[in-house]
Amino acid sequence: MHARAVRFTDVTPERIDEIAGEVESQGPPPGVDSTGFTLLVDESQGTAIFIGFFESEEKMRDASAVFDQMDPSETPGTRASVDLCEVKVERSM
């Protein structure tokens, strides 16, 4: 499994609510074949981390190309960093 982790700054609670509603009603953008995602928000700092999960590195990189073309107004805030990772350990309790 692979994950694309993106850190955003300048995030507002209102924008997070908008993003959550869009994802729930529309799903991922066309061309993004993910197995799921996690959105972490720190309202006190105005930051968010979006982690998208993918079956393969190829699907993750294809999705990255789609996300990289997105208009900044479609994101939770200002993109501060992007990491393309292989998931080595995942555990739920």
PDB file of N, CA and C in Angstrom:
ATOM      1  N   MET A   1       0.836  -1.162   0.000  1.00  0.00           N
ATOM      2  CA  MET A   1       0.000   0.000   0.000  1.00  0.00           C
ATOM      3  C   MET A   1       0.892   1.240   0.000  1.00  0.00           C
ATOM      4  N   HIS A   2       0.368   2.294  -0.601  1.00  0.00           N
ATOM      5  CA  HIS A   2       1.084   3.567  -0.662  1.00  0.00           C
ATOM      6  C   HIS A   2       0.182   4.680  -0.160  1.00  0.00           C
ATOM      7  N   ALA A   3       0.815   5.774   0.273  1.00  0.00           N
ATOM      8  CA  ALA A   3       0.056   6.907   0.801  1.00  0.00           C
ATOM      9  C   ALA A   3       0.681   8.209   0.332  1.00  0.00           C
ATOM     10  N   ARG A   4      -0.184   9.140   0.007  1.00  0.00           N
ATOM     11  CA  ARG A   4       0.229  10.500  -0.353  1.00  0.00           C
ATOM     12  C   ARG A   4      -0.191  11.398   0.799  1.00  0.00           C
ATOM     13  N   ALA A   5       0.799  11.973   1.493  1.00  0.00           N
ATOM     14  CA  ALA A   5       0.532  12.811   2.657  1.00  0.00           C
ATOM     15  C   ALA A   5       0.819  14.265   2.299  1.00  0.00           C
ATOM     16  N   VAL A   6      -0.202  15.105   2.469  1.00  0.00           N
ATOM     17  CA  VAL A   6      -0.073  16.519   2.106  1.00  0.00           C
ATOM     18  C   VAL A   6      -0.382  17.370   3.328  1.00  0.00           C
ATOM     19  N   ARG A   7       0.508  18.281   3.634  1.00  0.00           N
ATOM     20  CA  ARG A   7       0.311  19.207   4.757  1.00  0.00           C
ATOM     21  C   ARG A   7      -0.137  20.552   4.198  1.00  0.00           C
ATOM     22  N   PHE A   8      -1.189  21.109   4.818  1.00  0.00           N
ATOM     23  CA  PHE A   8      -1.737  22.402   4.415  1.00  0.00           C
ATOM     24  C   PHE A   8      -1.654  23.379   5.582  1.00  0.00           C
ATOM     25  N   THR A   9      -1.408  24.648   5.264  1.00  0.00           N
ATOM     26  CA  THR A   9      -1.472  25.733   6.233  1.00  0.00           C
ATOM     27  C   THR A   9      -2.606  26.666   5.826  1.00  0.00           C
ATOM     28  N   ASP A  10      -2.904  27.651   6.632  1.00  0.00           N
ATOM     29  CA  ASP A  10      -3.968  28.625   6.357  1.00  0.00           C
ATOM     30  C   ASP A  10      -5.322  27.950   6.190  1.00  0.00           C
ATOM     31  N   VAL A  11      -5.580  26.943   7.005  1.00  0.00           N
ATOM     32  CA  VAL A  11      -6.817  26.166   6.940  1.00  0.00           C
ATOM     33  C   VAL A  11      -7.839  26.768   7.902  1.00  0.00           C
ATOM     34  N   THR A  12      -9.077  26.897   7.441  1.00  0.00           N
ATOM     35  CA  THR A  12     -10.147  27.401   8.309  1.00  0.00           C
ATOM     36  C   THR A  12     -11.169  26.287   8.552  1.00  0.00           C
ATOM     37  N   PRO A  13     -11.854  26.324   9.680  1.00  0.00           N
ATOM     38  CA  PRO A  13     -12.897  25.325   9.947  1.00  0.00           C
ATOM     39  C   PRO A  13     -13.979  25.325   8.864  1.00  0.00           C
ATOM     40  N   GLU A  14     -14.308  26.496   8.341  1.00  0.00           N
ATOM     41  CA  GLU A  14     -15.333  26.588   7.293  1.00  0.00           C
ATOM     42  C   GLU A  14     -14.888  25.848   6.034  1.00  0.00           C
ATOM     43  N   ARG A  15     -13.629  25.998   5.678  1.00  0.00           N
ATOM     44  CA  ARG A  15     -13.123  25.326   4.468  1.00  0.00           C
ATOM     45  C   ARG A  15     -13.089  23.818   4.672  1.00  0.00           C
ATOM     46  N   ILE A  16     -12.733  23.368   5.860  1.00  0.00           N
ATOM     47  CA  ILE A  16     -12.734  21.934   6.152  1.00  0.00           C
ATOM     48  C   ILE A  16     -14.149  21.383   6.024  1.00  0.00           C
ATOM     49  N   ASP A  17     -15.145  22.110   6.541  1.00  0.00           N
ATOM     50  CA  ASP A  17     -16.542  21.674   6.414  1.00  0.00           C
ATOM     51  C   ASP A  17     -16.953  21.559   4.953  1.00  0.00           C
ATOM     52  N   GLU A  18     -16.529  22.530   4.121  1.00  0.00           N
ATOM     53  CA  GLU A  18     -16.832  22.487   2.683  1.00  0.00           C
ATOM     54  C   GLU A  18     -16.204  21.261   2.030  1.00  0.00           C
ATOM     55  N   ILE A  19     -14.926  21.031   2.310  1.00  0.00           N
ATOM     56  CA  ILE A  19     -14.193  19.889   1.738  1.00  0.00           C
ATOM     57  C   ILE A  19     -14.860  18.581   2.155  1.00  0.00           C
ATOM     58  N   ALA A  20     -15.201  18.453   3.438  1.00  0.00           N
ATOM     59  CA  ALA A  20     -15.827  17.224   3.932  1.00  0.00           C
ATOM     60  C   ALA A  20     -17.145  16.971   3.209  1.00  0.00           C
ATOM     61  N   GLY A  21     -17.942  18.002   3.015  1.00  0.00           N
ATOM     62  CA  GLY A  21     -19.208  17.847   2.305  1.00  0.00           C
ATOM     63  C   GLY A  21     -19.017  17.437   0.859  1.00  0.00           C
ATOM     64  N   GLU A  22     -18.025  18.018   0.195  1.00  0.00           N
ATOM     65  CA  GLU A  22     -17.755  17.679  -1.207  1.00  0.00           C
ATOM     66  C   GLU A  22     -17.302  16.237  -1.348  1.00  0.00           C
ATOM     67  N   VAL A  23     -16.403  15.798  -0.475  1.00  0.00           N
ATOM     68  CA  VAL A  23     -15.878  14.434  -0.548  1.00  0.00           C
ATOM     69  C   VAL A  23     -16.997  13.428  -0.289  1.00  0.00           C
ATOM     70  N   GLU A  24     -17.850  13.724   0.688  1.00  0.00           N
ATOM     71  CA  GLU A  24     -18.946  12.806   1.006  1.00  0.00           C
ATOM     72  C   GLU A  24     -19.950  12.703  -0.136  1.00  0.00           C
ATOM     73  N   SER A  25     -20.238  13.812  -0.809  1.00  0.00           N
ATOM     74  CA  SER A  25     -21.250  13.789  -1.871  1.00  0.00           C
ATOM     75  C   SER A  25     -20.688  13.419  -3.235  1.00  0.00           C
ATOM     76  N   GLN A  26     -19.434  13.749  -3.505  1.00  0.00           N
ATOM     77  CA  GLN A  26     -18.865  13.553  -4.841  1.00  0.00           C
ATOM     78  C   GLN A  26     -17.806  12.472  -4.920  1.00  0.00           C
ATOM     79  N   GLY A  27     -17.172  12.135  -3.824  1.00  0.00           N
ATOM     80  CA  GLY A  27     -16.065  11.188  -3.859  1.00  0.00           C
ATOM     81  C   GLY A  27     -14.802  11.850  -4.370  1.00  0.00           C
ATOM     82  N   PRO A  28     -13.785  11.053  -4.702  1.00  0.00           N
ATOM     83  CA  PRO A  28     -12.527  11.632  -5.167  1.00  0.00           C
ATOM     84  C   PRO A  28     -12.678  12.225  -6.570  1.00  0.00           C
ATOM     85  N   PRO A  29     -11.772  13.114  -6.939  1.00  0.00           N
ATOM     86  CA  PRO A  29     -11.812  13.680  -8.290  1.00  0.00           C
ATOM     87  C   PRO A  29     -11.618  12.596  -9.350  1.00  0.00           C
ATOM     88  N   PRO A  30     -12.121  12.820 -10.562  1.00  0.00           N
ATOM     89  CA  PRO A  30     -11.885  11.870 -11.656  1.00  0.00           C
ATOM     90  C   PRO A  30     -10.384  11.638 -11.841  1.00  0.00           C
ATOM     91  N   GLY A  31     -10.005  10.382 -12.028  1.00  0.00           N
ATOM     92  CA  GLY A  31      -8.603  10.033 -12.220  1.00  0.00           C
ATOM     93  C   GLY A  31      -7.885   9.651 -10.938  1.00  0.00           C
ATOM     94  N   VAL A  32      -8.586   9.724  -9.801  1.00  0.00           N
ATOM     95  CA  VAL A  32      -7.995   9.355  -8.517  1.00  0.00           C
ATOM     96  C   VAL A  32      -8.602   8.033  -8.076  1.00  0.00           C
ATOM     97  N   ASP A  33      -7.786   6.979  -8.108  1.00  0.00           N
ATOM     98  CA  ASP A  33      -8.224   5.632  -7.751  1.00  0.00           C
ATOM     99  C   ASP A  33      -7.633   5.273  -6.389  1.00  0.00           C
ATOM    100  N   SER A  34      -8.255   5.798  -5.325  1.00  0.00           N
ATOM    101  CA  SER A  34      -7.722   5.550  -3.988  1.00  0.00           C
ATOM    102  C   SER A  34      -8.574   4.533  -3.245  1.00  0.00           C
ATOM    103  N   THR A  35      -7.973   3.956  -2.211  1.00  0.00           N
ATOM    104  CA  THR A  35      -8.697   2.999  -1.379  1.00  0.00           C
ATOM    105  C   THR A  35      -9.293   3.667  -0.147  1.00  0.00           C
ATOM    106  N   GLY A  36      -8.955   4.921   0.084  1.00  0.00           N
ATOM    107  CA  GLY A  36      -9.491   5.658   1.214  1.00  0.00           C
ATOM    108  C   GLY A  36      -8.601   6.831   1.554  1.00  0.00           C
ATOM    109  N   PHE A  37      -8.994   7.568   2.589  1.00  0.00           N
ATOM    110  CA  PHE A  37      -8.203   8.713   3.013  1.00  0.00           C
ATOM    111  C   PHE A  37      -8.465   9.013   4.481  1.00  0.00           C
ATOM    112  N   THR A  38      -7.568   9.803   5.041  1.00  0.00           N
ATOM    113  CA  THR A  38      -7.701  10.330   6.392  1.00  0.00           C
ATOM    114  C   THR A  38      -7.400  11.818   6.328  1.00  0.00           C
ATOM    115  N   LEU A  39      -8.216  12.625   7.002  1.00  0.00           N
ATOM    116  CA  LEU A  39      -7.989  14.062   7.078  1.00  0.00           C
ATOM    117  C   LEU A  39      -7.803  14.431   8.537  1.00  0.00           C
ATOM    118  N   LEU A  40      -6.634  14.959   8.869  1.00  0.00           N
ATOM    119  CA  LEU A  40      -6.296  15.382  10.228  1.00  0.00           C
ATOM    120  C   LEU A  40      -6.289  16.909  10.256  1.00  0.00           C
ATOM    121  N   VAL A  41      -6.922  17.499  11.258  1.00  0.00           N
ATOM    122  CA  VAL A  41      -7.027  18.958  11.330  1.00  0.00           C
ATOM    123  C   VAL A  41      -6.603  19.443  12.709  1.00  0.00           C
ATOM    124  N   ASP A  42      -5.758  20.468  12.734  1.00  0.00           N
ATOM    125  CA  ASP A  42      -5.391  21.155  13.973  1.00  0.00           C
ATOM    126  C   ASP A  42      -5.921  22.584  13.850  1.00  0.00           C
ATOM    127  N   GLU A  43      -7.138  22.806  14.355  1.00  0.00           N
ATOM    128  CA  GLU A  43      -7.769  24.117  14.209  1.00  0.00           C
ATOM    129  C   GLU A  43      -6.973  25.211  14.914  1.00  0.00           C
ATOM    130  N   SER A  44      -6.330  24.891  16.041  1.00  0.00           N
ATOM    131  CA  SER A  44      -5.594  25.922  16.784  1.00  0.00           C
ATOM    132  C   SER A  44      -4.407  26.464  15.987  1.00  0.00           C
ATOM    133  N   GLN A  45      -3.833  25.633  15.106  1.00  0.00           N
ATOM    134  CA  GLN A  45      -2.708  26.076  14.269  1.00  0.00           C
ATOM    135  C   GLN A  45      -3.134  26.425  12.846  1.00  0.00           C
ATOM    136  N   GLY A  46      -4.381  26.090  12.487  1.00  0.00           N
ATOM    137  CA  GLY A  46      -4.834  26.346  11.118  1.00  0.00           C
ATOM    138  C   GLY A  46      -4.140  25.453  10.112  1.00  0.00           C
ATOM    139  N   THR A  47      -3.886  24.197  10.511  1.00  0.00           N
ATOM    140  CA  THR A  47      -3.210  23.253   9.624  1.00  0.00           C
ATOM    141  C   THR A  47      -4.056  21.997   9.432  1.00  0.00           C
ATOM    142  N   ALA A  48      -3.746  21.281   8.361  1.00  0.00           N
ATOM    143  CA  ALA A  48      -4.402  20.006   8.089  1.00  0.00           C
ATOM    144  C   ALA A  48      -3.415  19.102   7.371  1.00  0.00           C
ATOM    145  N   ILE A  49      -3.598  17.801   7.575  1.00  0.00           N
ATOM    146  CA  ILE A  49      -2.817  16.793   6.852  1.00  0.00           C
ATOM    147  C   ILE A  49      -3.816  15.855   6.207  1.00  0.00           C
ATOM    148  N   PHE A  50      -3.713  15.730   4.890  1.00  0.00           N
ATOM    149  CA  PHE A  50      -4.581  14.840   4.119  1.00  0.00           C
ATOM    150  C   PHE A  50      -3.735  13.655   3.694  1.00  0.00           C
ATOM    151  N   ILE A  51      -4.163  12.446   4.049  1.00  0.00           N
ATOM    152  CA  ILE A  51      -3.441  11.230   3.687  1.00  0.00           C
ATOM    153  C   ILE A  51      -4.361  10.379   2.814  1.00  0.00           C
ATOM    154  N   GLY A  52      -3.990  10.218   1.557  1.00  0.00           N
ATOM    155  CA  GLY A  52      -4.733   9.364   0.639  1.00  0.00           C
ATOM    156  C   GLY A  52      -4.016   8.036   0.495  1.00  0.00           C
ATOM    157  N   PHE A  53      -4.785   6.949   0.472  1.00  0.00           N
ATOM    158  CA  PHE A  53      -4.200   5.608   0.393  1.00  0.00           C
ATOM    159  C   PHE A  53      -4.461   4.990  -0.975  1.00  0.00           C
ATOM    160  N   PHE A  54      -3.478   4.237  -1.480  1.00  0.00           N
ATOM    161  CA  PHE A  54      -3.532   3.671  -2.819  1.00  0.00           C
ATOM    162  C   PHE A  54      -2.977   2.256  -2.832  1.00  0.00           C
ATOM    163  N   GLU A  55      -3.538   1.411  -3.698  1.00  0.00           N
ATOM    164  CA  GLU A  55      -3.095   0.014  -3.803  1.00  0.00           C
ATOM    165  C   GLU A  55      -1.679  -0.122  -4.322  1.00  0.00           C
ATOM    166  N   SER A  56      -1.244   0.836  -5.149  1.00  0.00           N
ATOM    167  CA  SER A  56       0.076   0.709  -5.764  1.00  0.00           C
ATOM    168  C   SER A  56       0.731   2.077  -5.906  1.00  0.00           C
ATOM    169  N   GLU A  57       2.035   2.051  -6.113  1.00  0.00           N
ATOM    170  CA  GLU A  57       2.769   3.292  -6.346  1.00  0.00           C
ATOM    171  C   GLU A  57       2.276   3.969  -7.621  1.00  0.00           C
ATOM    172  N   GLU A  58       1.977   3.184  -8.639  1.00  0.00           N
ATOM    173  CA  GLU A  58       1.499   3.748  -9.905  1.00  0.00           C
ATOM    174  C   GLU A  58       0.190   4.520  -9.707  1.00  0.00           C
ATOM    175  N   LYS A  59      -0.755   3.940  -8.972  1.00  0.00           N
ATOM    176  CA  LYS A  59      -2.026   4.627  -8.721  1.00  0.00           C
ATOM    177  C   LYS A  59      -1.809   5.896  -7.904  1.00  0.00           C
ATOM    178  N   MET A  60      -0.879   5.846  -6.955  1.00  0.00           N
ATOM    179  CA  MET A  60      -0.566   7.024  -6.151  1.00  0.00           C
ATOM    180  C   MET A  60       0.020   8.130  -7.030  1.00  0.00           C
ATOM    181  N   ARG A  61       0.943   7.776  -7.905  1.00  0.00           N
ATOM    182  CA  ARG A  61       1.570   8.779  -8.774  1.00  0.00           C
ATOM    183  C   ARG A  61       0.570   9.335  -9.795  1.00  0.00           C
ATOM    184  N   ASP A  62      -0.314   8.488 -10.308  1.00  0.00           N
ATOM    185  CA  ASP A  62      -1.373   8.972 -11.206  1.00  0.00           C
ATOM    186  C   ASP A  62      -2.261   9.977 -10.485  1.00  0.00           C
ATOM    187  N   ALA A  63      -2.618   9.671  -9.245  1.00  0.00           N
ATOM    188  CA  ALA A  63      -3.449  10.585  -8.455  1.00  0.00           C
ATOM    189  C   ALA A  63      -2.694  11.880  -8.174  1.00  0.00           C
ATOM    190  N   SER A  64      -1.407  11.788  -7.908  1.00  0.00           N
ATOM    191  CA  SER A  64      -0.610  12.987  -7.646  1.00  0.00           C
ATOM    192  C   SER A  64      -0.655  13.939  -8.827  1.00  0.00           C
ATOM    193  N   ALA A  65      -0.618  13.383 -10.028  1.00  0.00           N
ATOM    194  CA  ALA A  65      -0.691  14.229 -11.228  1.00  0.00           C
ATOM    195  C   ALA A  65      -2.022  14.979 -11.265  1.00  0.00           C
ATOM    196  N   VAL A  66      -3.101  14.318 -10.868  1.00  0.00           N
ATOM    197  CA  VAL A  66      -4.417  14.971 -10.823  1.00  0.00           C
ATOM    198  C   VAL A  66      -4.418  16.055  -9.751  1.00  0.00           C
ATOM    199  N   PHE A  67      -3.960  15.716  -8.547  1.00  0.00           N
ATOM    200  CA  PHE A  67      -3.951  16.684  -7.447  1.00  0.00           C
ATOM    201  C   PHE A  67      -3.055  17.882  -7.749  1.00  0.00           C
ATOM    202  N   ASP A  68      -1.922  17.646  -8.417  1.00  0.00           N
ATOM    203  CA  ASP A  68      -1.001  18.735  -8.739  1.00  0.00           C
ATOM    204  C   ASP A  68      -1.621  19.741  -9.708  1.00  0.00           C
ATOM    205  N   GLN A  69      -2.603  19.308 -10.483  1.00  0.00           N
ATOM    206  CA  GLN A  69      -3.270  20.191 -11.443  1.00  0.00           C
ATOM    207  C   GLN A  69      -4.456  20.942 -10.837  1.00  0.00           C
ATOM    208  N   MET A  70      -4.820  20.602  -9.600  1.00  0.00           N
ATOM    209  CA  MET A  70      -5.970  21.244  -8.966  1.00  0.00           C
ATOM    210  C   MET A  70      -5.709  22.726  -8.730  1.00  0.00           C
ATOM    211  N   ASP A  71      -6.759  23.499  -8.891  1.00  0.00           N
ATOM    212  CA  ASP A  71      -6.712  24.910  -8.561  1.00  0.00           C
ATOM    213  C   ASP A  71      -6.557  25.030  -7.044  1.00  0.00           C
ATOM    214  N   PRO A  72      -5.691  25.925  -6.555  1.00  0.00           N
ATOM    215  CA  PRO A  72      -5.517  26.061  -5.108  1.00  0.00           C
ATOM    216  C   PRO A  72      -6.819  26.341  -4.356  1.00  0.00           C
ATOM    217  N   SER A  73      -7.808  26.909  -5.010  1.00  0.00           N
ATOM    218  CA  SER A  73      -9.084  27.178  -4.340  1.00  0.00           C
ATOM    219  C   SER A  73      -9.850  25.897  -4.040  1.00  0.00           C
ATOM    220  N   GLU A  74      -9.438  24.765  -4.633  1.00  0.00           N
ATOM    221  CA  GLU A  74     -10.091  23.481  -4.399  1.00  0.00           C
ATOM    222  C   GLU A  74      -9.459  22.691  -3.249  1.00  0.00           C
ATOM    223  N   THR A  75      -8.433  23.253  -2.628  1.00  0.00           N
ATOM    224  CA  THR A  75      -7.730  22.554  -1.557  1.00  0.00           C
ATOM    225  C   THR A  75      -8.103  23.159  -0.197  1.00  0.00           C
ATOM    226  N   PRO A  76      -7.769  22.464   0.907  1.00  0.00           N
ATOM    227  CA  PRO A  76      -8.128  22.984   2.230  1.00  0.00           C
ATOM    228  C   PRO A  76      -7.413  24.279   2.613  1.00  0.00           C
ATOM    229  N   GLY A  77      -6.248  24.529   2.018  1.00  0.00           N
ATOM    230  CA  GLY A  77      -5.462  25.712   2.358  1.00  0.00           C
ATOM    231  C   GLY A  77      -4.252  25.793   1.450  1.00  0.00           C
ATOM    232  N   THR A  78      -3.174  26.349   1.949  1.00  0.00           N
ATOM    233  CA  THR A  78      -1.933  26.470   1.188  1.00  0.00           C
ATOM    234  C   THR A  78      -1.133  25.178   1.338  1.00  0.00           C
ATOM    235  N   ARG A  79      -0.785  24.554   0.218  1.00  0.00           N
ATOM    236  CA  ARG A  79      -0.026  23.304   0.255  1.00  0.00           C
ATOM    237  C   ARG A  79       1.392  23.601   0.722  1.00  0.00           C
ATOM    238  N   ALA A  80       1.777  23.021   1.865  1.00  0.00           N
ATOM    239  CA  ALA A  80       3.093  23.261   2.440  1.00  0.00           C
ATOM    240  C   ALA A  80       4.087  22.165   2.072  1.00  0.00           C
ATOM    241  N   SER A  81       3.617  20.916   1.975  1.00  0.00           N
ATOM    242  CA  SER A  81       4.512  19.815   1.621  1.00  0.00           C
ATOM    243  C   SER A  81       3.699  18.638   1.100  1.00  0.00           C
ATOM    244  N   VAL A  82       4.363  17.804   0.303  1.00  0.00           N
ATOM    245  CA  VAL A  82       3.763  16.582  -0.233  1.00  0.00           C
ATOM    246  C   VAL A  82       4.784  15.471  -0.095  1.00  0.00           C
ATOM    247  N   ASP A  83       4.371  14.357   0.511  1.00  0.00           N
ATOM    248  CA  ASP A  83       5.226  13.175   0.622  1.00  0.00           C
ATOM    249  C   ASP A  83       4.523  12.000  -0.030  1.00  0.00           C
ATOM    250  N   LEU A  84       5.237  11.277  -0.880  1.00  0.00           N
ATOM    251  CA  LEU A  84       4.732  10.066  -1.521  1.00  0.00           C
ATOM    252  C   LEU A  84       5.416   8.891  -0.834  1.00  0.00           C
ATOM    253  N   CYS A  85       4.635   8.089  -0.123  1.00  0.00           N
ATOM    254  CA  CYS A  85       5.204   7.108   0.799  1.00  0.00           C
ATOM    255  C   CYS A  85       4.723   5.694   0.524  1.00  0.00           C
ATOM    256  N   GLU A  86       5.560   4.743   0.901  1.00  0.00           N
ATOM    257  CA  GLU A  86       5.124   3.358   0.997  1.00  0.00           C
ATOM    258  C   GLU A  86       4.718   3.121   2.446  1.00  0.00           C
ATOM    259  N   VAL A  87       3.552   2.536   2.658  1.00  0.00           N
ATOM    260  CA  VAL A  87       3.089   2.254   4.013  1.00  0.00           C
ATOM    261  C   VAL A  87       3.811   1.009   4.495  1.00  0.00           C
ATOM    262  N   LYS A  88       4.602   1.165   5.539  1.00  0.00           N
ATOM    263  CA  LYS A  88       5.364   0.058   6.088  1.00  0.00           C
ATOM    264  C   LYS A  88       4.629  -0.626   7.241  1.00  0.00           C
ATOM    265  N   VAL A  89       3.918   0.172   8.036  1.00  0.00           N
ATOM    266  CA  VAL A  89       3.182  -0.369   9.181  1.00  0.00           C
ATOM    267  C   VAL A  89       1.867   0.379   9.289  1.00  0.00           C
ATOM    268  N   GLU A  90       0.788  -0.361   9.479  1.00  0.00           N
ATOM    269  CA  GLU A  90      -0.511   0.239   9.747  1.00  0.00           C
ATOM    270  C   GLU A  90      -1.206  -0.656  10.746  1.00  0.00           C
ATOM    271  N   ARG A  91      -1.715  -0.046  11.807  1.00  0.00           N
ATOM    272  CA  ARG A  91      -2.361  -0.852  12.832  1.00  0.00           C
ATOM    273  C   ARG A  91      -3.529  -0.079  13.405  1.00  0.00           C
ATOM    274  N   SER A  92      -4.661  -0.713  13.497  1.00  0.00           N
ATOM    275  CA  SER A  92      -5.835  -0.132  14.147  1.00  0.00           C
ATOM    276  C   SER A  92      -6.123  -0.936  15.392  1.00  0.00           C
ATOM    277  N   MET A  93      -6.564  -0.283  16.421  1.00  0.00           N
ATOM    278  CA  MET A  93      -6.847  -0.978  17.680  1.00  0.00           C
ATOM    279  C   MET A  93      -8.334  -0.950  17.939  1.00  0.00           C
TER     280      MET A  93
END
